[in-house]
Amino acid sequence: MKALLLTDAGSLEVTSAQCKELQVDEVLIDVAACGVCGTDLHLFHGEEGAGKSTLPLIMGHEFSGTVLKTGSEVKDFKPGDRVTVDPNLMCGECHQCRRGKVQFCDHAEAYGVSMDGGFSEQCVVRQKVVYHIPNTLSLEHAALVEPVACCLHGIDRANIKPGDTVAIIGAGSIGLIMLQLAKYSGAARIIVIEPVPEKRKVARELGASHLIDPLSQDVKKAISDAEIVSVDTVIECVGNPATMEQAVDIASRGATVLLFGLTPPNSLMSIKPLEEVFRKELIITSSFINPLVTQRSIDLLASGKINLDTVITDRVPLDDAIKVFTDDGYRKRGKILIIP
């Protein structure tokens, strides 16, 4: 099969790869689309993603497709089924799994991170991570079930109540999904802080009530000038210590700050505990992967409530996929899909 192979930090090649031999409890998927994630970019640059990796590796953990073949013990799937994948493979037996904290599984692996994933024509996965998708959900949209599931887990932790004001820092694909989830959670006002004009425009179309350009505006002054008295939740979607510090700074008293963006492992942020946390009684939290929310994500996308057509900006053939990682112009756009 054809695959995009990461052979070393900064080194990718489109090559012919041997598809993994199908085991009794595994499913062979003909990949229809695979999204490019910040984790993939971290791995390309030699940084750790959400988990540890070994090279060579076929990355790609946001994918959907059609079942081609099943192992002898697979009962719930058959050739021709349209499916998506939760790439996180948990053991179900360790202390954390038995406590219901599957995201902290002591033996977790992930397709596209520690095992070969979806930047390929086919991918073999365990049946336990495969999900049927309804006919009303396109395969392209189904490829984004995983990032939407991650955002759902984040929203669950963001403490948004009807009538709240929410600030979102960063209007990339994750920020735009968070914007829509915040709206459906009952946020009365949604502030989007984003330096790229095109992304601010999309955020406005998706329901942002206030847009701030942090390069030309003083963010706190812009919030005050808009007569916003309280910012109840701040969601940081950039993965930069500076914007994480900004999230803490603009949060009002009693607010929740969700640090969602993924930083390199050795990143540090600086905050003043007395002034910025204690006296404001902040809840500073984060969100790690997508524990037990994949079916919710499928149902939400199938309902049509989340607009992914504006989030997906590029569809790149597998043969041309290397440029997605080497051309910085792609960083200024939205979600990119690799199409085998």
C-alpha atoms as a PDB file:
ATOM      1  CA  MET A   1       0.000   0.000   0.000  1.00  0.00           C
ATOM      2  CA  LYS A   2       1.010   3.642  -0.390  1.00  0.00           C
ATOM      3  CA  ALA A   3       1.794   5.480   2.856  1.00  0.00           C
ATOM      4  CA  LEU A   4       3.286   8.705   4.211  1.00  0.00           C
ATOM      5  CA  LEU A   5       6.175   7.498   6.372  1.00  0.00           C
ATOM      6  CA  LEU A   6       7.937   9.544   9.066  1.00  0.00           C
ATOM      7  CA  THR A   7      11.485   8.177   9.082  1.00  0.00           C
ATOM      8  CA  ASP A   8      13.176  10.801  11.261  1.00  0.00           C
ATOM      9  CA  ALA A   9      12.509  14.244  12.704  1.00  0.00           C
ATOM     10  CA  GLY A  10      11.706  16.493   9.752  1.00  0.00           C
ATOM     11  CA  SER A  11      11.925  13.627   7.266  1.00  0.00           C
ATOM     12  CA  LEU A  12       8.855  12.284   5.451  1.00  0.00           C
ATOM     13  CA  GLU A  13       8.490  10.155   2.354  1.00  0.00           C
ATOM     14  CA  VAL A  14       5.582   8.802   0.356  1.00  0.00           C
ATOM     15  CA  THR A  15       6.476   5.176  -0.104  1.00  0.00           C
ATOM     16  CA  SER A  16       5.189   1.663  -0.564  1.00  0.00           C
ATOM     17  CA  ALA A  17       4.624  -0.010   2.803  1.00  0.00           C
ATOM     18  CA  GLN A  18       3.597  -3.475   3.871  1.00  0.00           C
ATOM     19  CA  CYS A  19       0.151  -3.522   5.473  1.00  0.00           C
ATOM     20  CA  LYS A  20       0.125  -5.210   8.873  1.00  0.00           C
ATOM     21  CA  GLU A  21      -1.036  -8.827   8.892  1.00  0.00           C
ATOM     22  CA  LEU A  22      -4.647  -9.051  10.039  1.00  0.00           C
ATOM     23  CA  GLN A  23      -5.152 -10.688  13.447  1.00  0.00           C
ATOM     24  CA  VAL A  24      -8.348 -12.441  14.570  1.00  0.00           C
ATOM     25  CA  ASP A  25      -9.736  -9.367  16.391  1.00  0.00           C
ATOM     26  CA  GLU A  26      -8.682  -6.767  13.852  1.00  0.00           C
ATOM     27  CA  VAL A  27     -10.329  -4.873  11.002  1.00  0.00           C
ATOM     28  CA  LEU A  28      -8.720  -3.758   7.726  1.00  0.00           C
ATOM     29  CA  ILE A  29      -9.982  -0.304   6.761  1.00  0.00           C
ATOM     30  CA  ASP A  30      -9.759   1.318   3.343  1.00  0.00           C
ATOM     31  CA  VAL A  31      -8.955   4.872   4.458  1.00  0.00           C
ATOM     32  CA  ALA A  32     -11.165   7.566   2.923  1.00  0.00           C
ATOM     33  CA  ALA A  33      -9.739  10.631   4.676  1.00  0.00           C
ATOM     34  CA  CYS A  34      -7.340  11.426   7.504  1.00  0.00           C
ATOM     35  CA  GLY A  35      -7.061  14.771   9.267  1.00  0.00           C
ATOM     36  CA  VAL A  36      -3.769  16.493  10.072  1.00  0.00           C
ATOM     37  CA  CYS A  37      -3.488  17.326  13.777  1.00  0.00           C
ATOM     38  CA  GLY A  38      -1.133  19.408  15.893  1.00  0.00           C
ATOM     39  CA  THR A  39       0.186  16.135  17.300  1.00  0.00           C
ATOM     40  CA  ASP A  40       1.314  15.134  13.795  1.00  0.00           C
ATOM     41  CA  LEU A  41       3.208  18.416  13.473  1.00  0.00           C
ATOM     42  CA  HIS A  42       4.878  17.906  16.856  1.00  0.00           C
ATOM     43  CA  LEU A  43       5.976  14.412  15.820  1.00  0.00           C
ATOM     44  CA  PHE A  44       7.266  15.709  12.478  1.00  0.00           C
ATOM     45  CA  HIS A  45       9.429  18.242  14.309  1.00  0.00           C
ATOM     46  CA  GLY A  46      10.818  15.580  16.641  1.00  0.00           C
ATOM     47  CA  GLU A  47       8.745  16.611  19.639  1.00  0.00           C
ATOM     48  CA  GLU A  48       6.577  14.403  21.789  1.00  0.00           C
ATOM     49  CA  GLY A  49       2.865  14.455  21.025  1.00  0.00           C
ATOM     50  CA  ALA A  50       0.137  13.246  23.351  1.00  0.00           C
ATOM     51  CA  GLY A  51       2.147  10.025  23.734  1.00  0.00           C
ATOM     52  CA  LYS A  52       5.556   8.562  22.932  1.00  0.00           C
ATOM     53  CA  SER A  53       6.399   7.346  19.430  1.00  0.00           C
ATOM     54  CA  THR A  54       8.989   5.196  17.741  1.00  0.00           C
ATOM     55  CA  LEU A  55      10.165   5.639  14.161  1.00  0.00           C
ATOM     56  CA  PRO A  56       9.621   4.815  11.371  1.00  0.00           C
ATOM     57  CA  LEU A  57       5.920   5.612  11.778  1.00  0.00           C
ATOM     58  CA  ILE A  58       2.851   6.131   9.629  1.00  0.00           C
ATOM     59  CA  MET A  59       1.182   9.022  11.442  1.00  0.00           C
ATOM     60  CA  GLY A  60      -2.475  10.047  11.239  1.00  0.00           C
ATOM     61  CA  HIS A  61      -5.012   9.377  13.986  1.00  0.00           C
ATOM     62  CA  GLU A  62      -8.109  11.186  12.666  1.00  0.00           C
ATOM     63  CA  PHE A  63      -9.504   8.887  10.004  1.00  0.00           C
ATOM     64  CA  SER A  64     -12.516   7.159   8.542  1.00  0.00           C
ATOM     65  CA  GLY A  65     -13.114   4.666   5.791  1.00  0.00           C
ATOM     66  CA  THR A  66     -14.747   1.442   4.660  1.00  0.00           C
ATOM     67  CA  VAL A  67     -14.138  -2.030   6.035  1.00  0.00           C
ATOM     68  CA  LEU A  68     -12.275  -4.227   3.536  1.00  0.00           C
ATOM     69  CA  LYS A  69     -11.709  -7.341   5.626  1.00  0.00           C
ATOM     70  CA  THR A  70     -12.204  -8.617   9.168  1.00  0.00           C
ATOM     71  CA  GLY A  71     -10.456 -11.119  11.417  1.00  0.00           C
ATOM     72  CA  SER A  72     -12.149 -14.416  12.239  1.00  0.00           C
ATOM     73  CA  GLU A  73     -13.359 -13.269  15.673  1.00  0.00           C
ATOM     74  CA  VAL A  74     -14.813  -9.935  14.526  1.00  0.00           C
ATOM     75  CA  LYS A  75     -18.612 -10.119  14.770  1.00  0.00           C
ATOM     76  CA  ASP A  76     -19.851  -6.529  14.650  1.00  0.00           C
ATOM     77  CA  PHE A  77     -18.282  -5.399  11.367  1.00  0.00           C
ATOM     78  CA  LYS A  78     -18.277  -6.706   7.808  1.00  0.00           C
ATOM     79  CA  PRO A  79     -16.776  -5.661   4.461  1.00  0.00           C
ATOM     80  CA  GLY A  80     -18.496  -2.551   3.125  1.00  0.00           C
ATOM     81  CA  ASP A  81     -19.327  -1.038   6.517  1.00  0.00           C
ATOM     82  CA  ARG A  82     -18.632   2.699   6.812  1.00  0.00           C
ATOM     83  CA  VAL A  83     -16.621   3.358   9.957  1.00  0.00           C
ATOM     84  CA  THR A  84     -14.530   5.754  11.958  1.00  0.00           C
ATOM     85  CA  VAL A  85     -11.875   5.074  14.573  1.00  0.00           C
ATOM     86  CA  ASP A  86     -11.078   6.163  18.110  1.00  0.00           C
ATOM     87  CA  PRO A  87      -7.301   5.864  17.777  1.00  0.00           C
ATOM     88  CA  ASN A  88      -6.682   5.359  21.494  1.00  0.00           C
ATOM     89  CA  LEU A  89      -6.302   1.704  22.459  1.00  0.00           C
ATOM     90  CA  MET A  90      -6.795   1.181  26.192  1.00  0.00           C
ATOM     91  CA  CYS A  91      -6.156  -2.053  28.082  1.00  0.00           C
ATOM     92  CA  GLY A  92      -9.345  -1.970  30.193  1.00  0.00           C
ATOM     93  CA  GLU A  93      -7.583  -3.839  33.003  1.00  0.00           C
ATOM     94  CA  CYS A  94      -5.165  -1.467  34.761  1.00  0.00           C
ATOM     95  CA  HIS A  95      -5.978   0.553  37.883  1.00  0.00           C
ATOM     96  CA  GLN A  96      -6.833   3.701  35.913  1.00  0.00           C
ATOM     97  CA  CYS A  97      -9.085   1.893  33.422  1.00  0.00           C
ATOM     98  CA  ARG A  98     -10.955   0.149  36.239  1.00  0.00           C
ATOM     99  CA  ARG A  99     -11.532   3.539  37.898  1.00  0.00           C
ATOM    100  CA  GLY A 100     -13.105   4.811  34.663  1.00  0.00           C
ATOM    101  CA  LYS A 101     -10.101   7.060  33.942  1.00  0.00           C
ATOM    102  CA  VAL A 102      -9.296   5.340  30.660  1.00  0.00           C
ATOM    103  CA  GLN A 103      -7.425   8.376  29.327  1.00  0.00           C
ATOM    104  CA  PHE A 104      -4.713   7.588  31.892  1.00  0.00           C
ATOM    105  CA  CYS A 105      -4.419   3.901  30.969  1.00  0.00           C
ATOM    106  CA  ASP A 106      -1.035   2.550  32.077  1.00  0.00           C
ATOM    107  CA  HIS A 107      -0.683   0.570  28.840  1.00  0.00           C
ATOM    108  CA  ALA A 108      -2.301   2.937  26.336  1.00  0.00           C
ATOM    109  CA  GLU A 109      -1.282   2.926  22.692  1.00  0.00           C
ATOM    110  CA  ALA A 110      -2.555   5.040  19.830  1.00  0.00           C
ATOM    111  CA  TYR A 111      -2.841   4.478  16.113  1.00  0.00           C
ATOM    112  CA  GLY A 112      -0.849   7.149  14.311  1.00  0.00           C
ATOM    113  CA  VAL A 113       1.250   7.876  17.409  1.00  0.00           C
ATOM    114  CA  SER A 114       2.701   4.650  18.805  1.00  0.00           C
ATOM    115  CA  MET A 115       1.342   2.399  16.035  1.00  0.00           C
ATOM    116  CA  ASP A 116       0.880   2.940  12.300  1.00  0.00           C
ATOM    117  CA  GLY A 117      -2.128   5.106  11.498  1.00  0.00           C
ATOM    118  CA  GLY A 118      -4.211   6.622   8.737  1.00  0.00           C
ATOM    119  CA  PHE A 119      -1.806   8.494   6.444  1.00  0.00           C
ATOM    120  CA  SER A 120      -1.987   5.455   4.191  1.00  0.00           C
ATOM    121  CA  GLU A 121      -4.294   3.709   1.767  1.00  0.00           C
ATOM    122  CA  GLN A 122      -5.259   1.057   4.318  1.00  0.00           C
ATOM    123  CA  CYS A 123      -4.935   0.654   8.070  1.00  0.00           C
ATOM    124  CA  VAL A 124      -5.353  -2.342  10.384  1.00  0.00           C
ATOM    125  CA  VAL A 125      -6.921  -1.616  13.797  1.00  0.00           C
ATOM    126  CA  ARG A 126      -8.428  -3.563  16.675  1.00  0.00           C
ATOM    127  CA  GLN A 127     -12.215  -3.943  16.414  1.00  0.00           C
ATOM    128  CA  LYS A 128     -12.647  -2.385  19.887  1.00  0.00           C
ATOM    129  CA  VAL A 129     -11.708   1.056  18.505  1.00  0.00           C
ATOM    130  CA  VAL A 130     -13.929   0.904  15.399  1.00  0.00           C
ATOM    131  CA  TYR A 131     -17.336   2.613  15.264  1.00  0.00           C
ATOM    132  CA  HIS A 132     -20.139   2.400  12.732  1.00  0.00           C
ATOM    133  CA  ILE A 133     -21.207   5.714  11.230  1.00  0.00           C
ATOM    134  CA  PRO A 134     -24.701   6.485   9.904  1.00  0.00           C
ATOM    135  CA  ASN A 135     -25.326   7.084   6.212  1.00  0.00           C
ATOM    136  CA  THR A 136     -26.181  10.708   7.000  1.00  0.00           C
ATOM    137  CA  LEU A 137     -22.553  11.341   8.006  1.00  0.00           C
ATOM    138  CA  SER A 138     -20.043  11.787   5.191  1.00  0.00           C
ATOM    139  CA  LEU A 139     -16.719   9.978   5.374  1.00  0.00           C
ATOM    140  CA  GLU A 140     -14.875  13.312   5.313  1.00  0.00           C
ATOM    141  CA  HIS A 141     -16.806  14.570   8.324  1.00  0.00           C
ATOM    142  CA  ALA A 142     -16.454  11.181  10.020  1.00  0.00           C
ATOM    143  CA  ALA A 143     -12.672  11.587   9.825  1.00  0.00           C
ATOM    144  CA  LEU A 144     -13.065  14.436  12.328  1.00  0.00           C
ATOM    145  CA  VAL A 145     -14.972  12.412  14.921  1.00  0.00           C
ATOM    146  CA  GLU A 146     -11.760  12.161  16.983  1.00  0.00           C
ATOM    147  CA  PRO A 147     -10.938  15.894  17.219  1.00  0.00           C
ATOM    148  CA  VAL A 148     -14.592  16.699  17.908  1.00  0.00           C
ATOM    149  CA  ALA A 149     -14.550  14.043  20.641  1.00  0.00           C
ATOM    150  CA  CYS A 150     -11.456  15.655  22.176  1.00  0.00           C
ATOM    151  CA  CYS A 151     -13.236  19.017  22.110  1.00  0.00           C
ATOM    152  CA  LEU A 152     -16.329  17.479  23.727  1.00  0.00           C
ATOM    153  CA  HIS A 153     -14.229  16.206  26.626  1.00  0.00           C
ATOM    154  CA  GLY A 154     -12.761  19.695  26.944  1.00  0.00           C
ATOM    155  CA  ILE A 155     -16.189  21.322  26.928  1.00  0.00           C
ATOM    156  CA  ASP A 156     -17.296  18.880  29.622  1.00  0.00           C
ATOM    157  CA  ARG A 157     -14.495  20.297  31.782  1.00  0.00           C
ATOM    158  CA  ALA A 158     -14.994  23.968  30.880  1.00  0.00           C
ATOM    159  CA  ASN A 159     -17.953  24.621  33.225  1.00  0.00           C
ATOM    160  CA  ILE A 160     -19.943  26.653  30.697  1.00  0.00           C
ATOM    161  CA  LYS A 161     -23.415  27.589  31.920  1.00  0.00           C
ATOM    162  CA  PRO A 162     -26.259  29.162  29.936  1.00  0.00           C
ATOM    163  CA  GLY A 163     -25.759  32.912  29.827  1.00  0.00           C
ATOM    164  CA  ASP A 164     -21.984  32.778  30.352  1.00  0.00           C
ATOM    165  CA  THR A 165     -19.367  34.711  28.419  1.00  0.00           C
ATOM    166  CA  VAL A 166     -16.690  32.521  26.862  1.00  0.00           C
ATOM    167  CA  ALA A 167     -13.373  33.619  25.376  1.00  0.00           C
ATOM    168  CA  ILE A 168     -11.597  31.370  22.884  1.00  0.00           C
ATOM    169  CA  ILE A 169      -7.954  32.009  22.097  1.00  0.00           C
ATOM    170  CA  GLY A 170      -7.095  30.713  18.639  1.00  0.00           C
ATOM    171  CA  ALA A 171      -9.526  30.129  15.767  1.00  0.00           C
ATOM    172  CA  GLY A 172      -7.878  27.224  14.045  1.00  0.00           C
ATOM    173  CA  SER A 173      -9.925  24.099  13.459  1.00  0.00           C
ATOM    174  CA  ILE A 174     -10.036  23.246  17.174  1.00  0.00           C
ATOM    175  CA  GLY A 175     -10.988  26.789  18.162  1.00  0.00           C
ATOM    176  CA  LEU A 176     -13.804  26.804  15.600  1.00  0.00           C
ATOM    177  CA  ILE A 177     -15.152  23.507  16.896  1.00  0.00           C
ATOM    178  CA  MET A 178     -14.928  24.791  20.476  1.00  0.00           C
ATOM    179  CA  LEU A 179     -16.785  27.941  19.423  1.00  0.00           C
ATOM    180  CA  GLN A 180     -19.710  25.903  18.152  1.00  0.00           C
ATOM    181  CA  LEU A 181     -19.752  23.647  21.217  1.00  0.00           C
ATOM    182  CA  ALA A 182     -19.682  26.680  23.508  1.00  0.00           C
ATOM    183  CA  LYS A 183     -22.635  28.127  21.626  1.00  0.00           C
ATOM    184  CA  TYR A 184     -24.633  24.920  22.080  1.00  0.00           C
ATOM    185  CA  SER A 185     -23.638  24.873  25.752  1.00  0.00           C
ATOM    186  CA  GLY A 186     -25.563  28.110  26.206  1.00  0.00           C
ATOM    187  CA  ALA A 187     -22.862  30.784  26.062  1.00  0.00           C
ATOM    188  CA  ALA A 188     -24.502  34.180  25.623  1.00  0.00           C
ATOM    189  CA  ARG A 189     -21.370  35.833  24.239  1.00  0.00           C
ATOM    190  CA  ILE A 190     -18.310  34.265  22.630  1.00  0.00           C
ATOM    191  CA  ILE A 191     -15.125  36.291  22.262  1.00  0.00           C
ATOM    192  CA  VAL A 192     -12.627  34.973  19.726  1.00  0.00           C
ATOM    193  CA  ILE A 193      -9.022  36.180  19.947  1.00  0.00           C
ATOM    194  CA  GLU A 194      -7.230  35.443  16.679  1.00  0.00           C
ATOM    195  CA  PRO A 195      -4.579  37.348  14.656  1.00  0.00           C
ATOM    196  CA  VAL A 196      -5.424  35.917  11.194  1.00  0.00           C
ATOM    197  CA  PRO A 197      -8.223  37.928   9.499  1.00  0.00           C
ATOM    198  CA  GLU A 198      -9.538  34.969   7.476  1.00  0.00           C
ATOM    199  CA  LYS A 199      -9.962  32.907  10.625  1.00  0.00           C
ATOM    200  CA  ARG A 200     -11.726  35.761  12.418  1.00  0.00           C
ATOM    201  CA  LYS A 201     -14.123  35.994   9.490  1.00  0.00           C
ATOM    202  CA  VAL A 202     -15.022  32.297   9.779  1.00  0.00           C
ATOM    203  CA  ALA A 203     -15.413  32.664  13.544  1.00  0.00           C
ATOM    204  CA  ARG A 204     -17.925  35.456  12.962  1.00  0.00           C
ATOM    205  CA  GLU A 205     -19.863  33.262  10.522  1.00  0.00           C
ATOM    206  CA  LEU A 206     -19.996  30.477  13.110  1.00  0.00           C
ATOM    207  CA  GLY A 207     -21.411  32.680  15.846  1.00  0.00           C
ATOM    208  CA  ALA A 208     -18.647  34.643  17.560  1.00  0.00           C
ATOM    209  CA  SER A 209     -20.112  37.807  19.057  1.00  0.00           C
ATOM    210  CA  HIS A 210     -16.801  39.660  19.530  1.00  0.00           C
ATOM    211  CA  LEU A 211     -13.575  39.398  17.527  1.00  0.00           C
ATOM    212  CA  ILE A 212     -10.211  40.642  18.759  1.00  0.00           C
ATOM    213  CA  ASP A 213      -6.944  40.896  16.831  1.00  0.00           C
ATOM    214  CA  PRO A 214      -4.239  40.480  19.497  1.00  0.00           C
ATOM    215  CA  LEU A 215      -1.596  41.955  17.189  1.00  0.00           C
ATOM    216  CA  SER A 216      -3.308  45.321  16.804  1.00  0.00           C
ATOM    217  CA  GLN A 217      -5.531  45.510  19.890  1.00  0.00           C
ATOM    218  CA  ASP A 218      -5.006  45.413  23.635  1.00  0.00           C
ATOM    219  CA  VAL A 219      -7.060  42.330  24.466  1.00  0.00           C
ATOM    220  CA  LYS A 220      -8.150  43.345  27.975  1.00  0.00           C
ATOM    221  CA  LYS A 221      -9.029  46.861  26.819  1.00  0.00           C
ATOM    222  CA  ALA A 222     -11.029  45.480  23.870  1.00  0.00           C
ATOM    223  CA  ILE A 223     -13.020  43.290  26.274  1.00  0.00           C
ATOM    224  CA  SER A 224     -13.645  46.257  28.554  1.00  0.00           C
ATOM    225  CA  ASP A 225     -14.595  48.531  25.638  1.00  0.00           C
ATOM    226  CA  ALA A 226     -17.190  45.937  24.621  1.00  0.00           C
ATOM    227  CA  GLU A 227     -18.762  46.439  28.074  1.00  0.00           C
ATOM    228  CA  ILE A 228     -18.127  42.823  29.006  1.00  0.00           C
ATOM    229  CA  VAL A 229     -18.023  42.691  32.782  1.00  0.00           C
ATOM    230  CA  SER A 230     -17.137  39.035  33.283  1.00  0.00           C
ATOM    231  CA  VAL A 231     -15.313  36.410  31.200  1.00  0.00           C
ATOM    232  CA  ASP A 232     -16.567  33.193  32.770  1.00  0.00           C
ATOM    233  CA  THR A 233     -14.605  30.615  30.752  1.00  0.00           C
ATOM    234  CA  VAL A 234     -11.429  30.961  28.718  1.00  0.00           C
ATOM    235  CA  ILE A 235     -10.434  28.179  26.319  1.00  0.00           C
ATOM    236  CA  GLU A 236      -6.851  28.287  25.044  1.00  0.00           C
ATOM    237  CA  CYS A 237      -6.541  26.472  21.704  1.00  0.00           C
ATOM    238  CA  VAL A 238      -3.090  27.566  20.544  1.00  0.00           C
ATOM    239  CA  GLY A 239      -0.671  25.553  22.661  1.00  0.00           C
ATOM    240  CA  ASN A 240       1.692  28.445  23.383  1.00  0.00           C
ATOM    241  CA  PRO A 241       2.827  29.457  26.878  1.00  0.00           C
ATOM    242  CA  ALA A 242       2.236  33.133  26.052  1.00  0.00           C
ATOM    243  CA  THR A 243      -1.413  32.570  25.105  1.00  0.00           C
ATOM    244  CA  MET A 244      -1.871  30.294  28.115  1.00  0.00           C
ATOM    245  CA  GLU A 245      -0.646  33.133  30.341  1.00  0.00           C
ATOM    246  CA  GLN A 246      -3.015  35.439  28.487  1.00  0.00           C
ATOM    247  CA  ALA A 247      -5.884  33.049  29.216  1.00  0.00           C
ATOM    248  CA  VAL A 248      -5.210  33.295  32.942  1.00  0.00           C
ATOM    249  CA  ASP A 249      -4.818  37.063  32.713  1.00  0.00           C
ATOM    250  CA  ILE A 250      -8.153  37.793  31.005  1.00  0.00           C
ATOM    251  CA  ALA A 251     -10.183  35.332  33.102  1.00  0.00           C
ATOM    252  CA  SER A 252     -12.535  37.016  35.550  1.00  0.00           C
ATOM    253  CA  ARG A 253     -12.973  36.146  39.206  1.00  0.00           C
ATOM    254  CA  GLY A 254     -14.412  32.670  39.657  1.00  0.00           C
ATOM    255  CA  ALA A 255     -13.730  31.734  36.026  1.00  0.00           C
ATOM    256  CA  THR A 256     -12.571  28.451  34.536  1.00  0.00           C
ATOM    257  CA  VAL A 257      -9.489  28.415  32.316  1.00  0.00           C
ATOM    258  CA  LEU A 258      -9.217  25.397  30.009  1.00  0.00           C
ATOM    259  CA  LEU A 259      -5.710  24.856  28.636  1.00  0.00           C
ATOM    260  CA  PHE A 260      -6.487  22.769  25.563  1.00  0.00           C
ATOM    261  CA  GLY A 261      -3.633  23.505  23.155  1.00  0.00           C
ATOM    262  CA  LEU A 262      -0.695  21.093  23.098  1.00  0.00           C
ATOM    263  CA  THR A 263       2.744  22.534  23.870  1.00  0.00           C
ATOM    264  CA  PRO A 264       6.174  20.953  23.453  1.00  0.00           C
ATOM    265  CA  PRO A 265       7.068  18.894  26.566  1.00  0.00           C
ATOM    266  CA  ASN A 266       9.525  21.355  28.102  1.00  0.00           C
ATOM    267  CA  SER A 267       7.373  24.470  27.765  1.00  0.00           C
ATOM    268  CA  LEU A 268       6.868  26.598  30.869  1.00  0.00           C
ATOM    269  CA  MET A 269       4.272  29.231  31.676  1.00  0.00           C
ATOM    270  CA  SER A 270       4.585  31.980  34.257  1.00  0.00           C
ATOM    271  CA  ILE A 271       1.694  33.020  36.495  1.00  0.00           C
ATOM    272  CA  LYS A 272       1.397  34.906  39.774  1.00  0.00           C
ATOM    273  CA  PRO A 273      -0.425  32.498  42.108  1.00  0.00           C
ATOM    274  CA  LEU A 274      -1.603  35.160  44.572  1.00  0.00           C
ATOM    275  CA  GLU A 275      -2.796  37.784  42.112  1.00  0.00           C
ATOM    276  CA  GLU A 276      -3.895  35.650  39.171  1.00  0.00           C
ATOM    277  CA  VAL A 277      -5.173  32.466  40.795  1.00  0.00           C
ATOM    278  CA  PHE A 278      -5.834  32.779  44.535  1.00  0.00           C
ATOM    279  CA  ARG A 279      -7.513  36.200  44.579  1.00  0.00           C
ATOM    280  CA  LYS A 280      -9.534  35.356  41.482  1.00  0.00           C
ATOM    281  CA  GLU A 281     -10.342  31.840  42.734  1.00  0.00           C
ATOM    282  CA  LEU A 282      -9.665  30.476  39.268  1.00  0.00           C
ATOM    283  CA  ILE A 283     -10.210  26.920  38.178  1.00  0.00           C
ATOM    284  CA  ILE A 284      -7.312  26.087  35.854  1.00  0.00           C
ATOM    285  CA  THR A 285      -7.866  22.804  34.125  1.00  0.00           C
ATOM    286  CA  SER A 286      -6.959  20.880  30.999  1.00  0.00           C
ATOM    287  CA  SER A 287      -8.273  18.102  28.804  1.00  0.00           C
ATOM    288  CA  PHE A 288      -6.426  14.941  27.775  1.00  0.00           C
ATOM    289  CA  ILE A 289      -7.596  13.048  24.674  1.00  0.00           C
ATOM    290  CA  ASN A 290     -11.186  11.820  24.364  1.00  0.00           C
ATOM    291  CA  PRO A 291     -12.239   9.309  27.030  1.00  0.00           C
ATOM    292  CA  LEU A 292     -15.498   7.516  26.262  1.00  0.00           C
ATOM    293  CA  VAL A 293     -17.036  10.301  24.161  1.00  0.00           C
ATOM    294  CA  THR A 294     -16.602   8.941  20.620  1.00  0.00           C
ATOM    295  CA  GLN A 295     -20.222   7.850  20.230  1.00  0.00           C
ATOM    296  CA  ARG A 296     -21.402  11.255  21.450  1.00  0.00           C
ATOM    297  CA  SER A 297     -19.182  12.852  18.817  1.00  0.00           C
ATOM    298  CA  ILE A 298     -20.632  10.647  16.069  1.00  0.00           C
ATOM    299  CA  ASP A 299     -24.195  11.425  17.149  1.00  0.00           C
ATOM    300  CA  LEU A 300     -23.454  15.150  17.330  1.00  0.00           C
ATOM    301  CA  LEU A 301     -21.908  15.266  13.856  1.00  0.00           C
ATOM    302  CA  ALA A 302     -24.690  13.133  12.393  1.00  0.00           C
ATOM    303  CA  SER A 303     -27.217  15.647  13.760  1.00  0.00           C
ATOM    304  CA  GLY A 304     -25.669  18.356  11.579  1.00  0.00           C
ATOM    305  CA  LYS A 305     -25.277  20.760  14.502  1.00  0.00           C
ATOM    306  CA  ILE A 306     -21.530  21.214  13.962  1.00  0.00           C
ATOM    307  CA  ASN A 307     -20.524  22.963  10.748  1.00  0.00           C
ATOM    308  CA  LEU A 308     -17.397  21.195   9.499  1.00  0.00           C
ATOM    309  CA  ASP A 309     -17.587  22.493   5.926  1.00  0.00           C
ATOM    310  CA  THR A 310     -16.132  25.802   7.068  1.00  0.00           C
ATOM    311  CA  VAL A 311     -13.578  24.091   9.316  1.00  0.00           C
ATOM    312  CA  ILE A 312     -12.149  21.892   6.525  1.00  0.00           C
ATOM    313  CA  THR A 313     -10.131  24.135   4.214  1.00  0.00           C
ATOM    314  CA  ASP A 314      -7.865  21.768   2.256  1.00  0.00           C
ATOM    315  CA  ARG A 315      -8.016  18.268   0.804  1.00  0.00           C
ATOM    316  CA  VAL A 316      -4.556  17.088  -0.178  1.00  0.00           C
ATOM    317  CA  PRO A 317      -3.819  13.857  -2.083  1.00  0.00           C
ATOM    318  CA  LEU A 318      -1.530  11.431  -0.261  1.00  0.00           C
ATOM    319  CA  ASP A 319       1.060  11.857  -3.037  1.00  0.00           C
ATOM    320  CA  ASP A 320       1.339  15.572  -2.155  1.00  0.00           C
ATOM    321  CA  ALA A 321       1.057  15.227   1.634  1.00  0.00           C
ATOM    322  CA  ILE A 322       4.663  16.152   2.462  1.00  0.00           C
ATOM    323  CA  LYS A 323       4.009  19.801   1.580  1.00  0.00           C
ATOM    324  CA  VAL A 324       1.408  20.027   4.349  1.00  0.00           C
ATOM    325  CA  PHE A 325       4.265  19.642   6.840  1.00  0.00           C
ATOM    326  CA  THR A 326       6.898  21.713   5.051  1.00  0.00           C
ATOM    327  CA  ASP A 327       4.856  24.659   3.739  1.00  0.00           C
ATOM    328  CA  ASP A 328       4.110  27.040   6.627  1.00  0.00           C
ATOM    329  CA  GLY A 329       1.226  28.492   4.626  1.00  0.00           C
ATOM    330  CA  TYR A 330      -0.917  25.567   5.719  1.00  0.00           C
ATOM    331  CA  ARG A 331      -0.609  26.717   9.356  1.00  0.00           C
ATOM    332  CA  LYS A 332      -2.700  29.759   8.485  1.00  0.00           C
ATOM    333  CA  ARG A 333      -5.618  27.690   7.266  1.00  0.00           C
ATOM    334  CA  GLY A 334      -8.102  25.353   8.934  1.00  0.00           C
ATOM    335  CA  LYS A 335      -8.381  21.583   9.029  1.00  0.00           C
ATOM    336  CA  ILE A 336      -6.440  19.740   6.344  1.00  0.00           C
ATOM    337  CA  LEU A 337      -7.504  16.296   5.170  1.00  0.00           C
ATOM    338  CA  ILE A 338      -5.121  13.840   3.527  1.00  0.00           C
ATOM    339  CA  ILE A 339      -7.028  11.870   0.886  1.00  0.00           C
ATOM    340  CA  PRO A 340      -5.428   8.531  -0.058  1.00  0.00           C
END
